[in-house]
Amino acid sequence: MKLSPRLTQLIDMVEHHYDHIWDCCCDHGFLGEALLEHQAHSTIHFVDIVPELIEQLEQRLSISPHMPQRWNAHCLDVSRLPLDQHSGKHLVIIAGVGGELTAEFIQTLQAKFAHLAVDFLLCPVHHHFTLRQALIKQNMHCIDEVLVEDNRRFYELLLVSSDKTTFDQVTPVGAKLWQSACPVHSQVIERYWHKTMRHYQRIAQGSPEKAGPILEAYLSVKPF
């Protein structure tokens, strides 16, 4: 199956070795299935709170003759991931939900498992600024960040870690996110910047005290 640009980029960002990769809010499991092929030494955990989706996924994976057996399926809320039941380094992927909910999941997991080696690969559908503020409060550091346009929607993909020794801290509106060596991607970045500015300019009409500092932050990274 041909993957979307968003899912393809998420896979490309999994460059380091992880013993366990948790595909949270996995829906039909396309991302996790692709990771089974690309991450030969990782166990992939499919996680969704909808029982029907997990049942269908288990049936499909179980009967596939070419599917590696390094997987588990969990019908769970993301905040209840049993990370401490599996040894090694973890990557928790949270994609397809809003930034506020993503921030809540990370805060809960970090509180439970601060003693474990856990990275997070995030792809919220909105509220990117809110999520970044939460990550900064939790002292998370940025391994990588990429902007993707997929089906006329924009996504900020963030790979973050609590490792303070190697990586720079997450920034309020992104740093590497606005860099491009490709003219086509430069146009994507410019369109996203304009769209984001228009969004917060509308908010500023009713709440200037809230949106003003955010607009200033985006103006500071004007990519053209």
Foldseek 3Di string as FASTA:
>chain_A
DDDFPVLVVLLVVPPDAWQEEECELCQQPPSQQVCVVVRVRHQYEYEAQDVVSQVVNCVVQVPDPPGDPRYYYYNDDLLPDPVVVDDTAYEYEDADAALVVVLVSVVSCCVVPVVHHYKYKYKHQDPPLVNLVSQVVVFKFFPDWEWDATPNGIIIITIIGNDPPPGHTRDRPDDCHLDDPDPVVNVVSQVVLVVVLVVLVVVCVPPVVVSVVVNVVSVVCNND
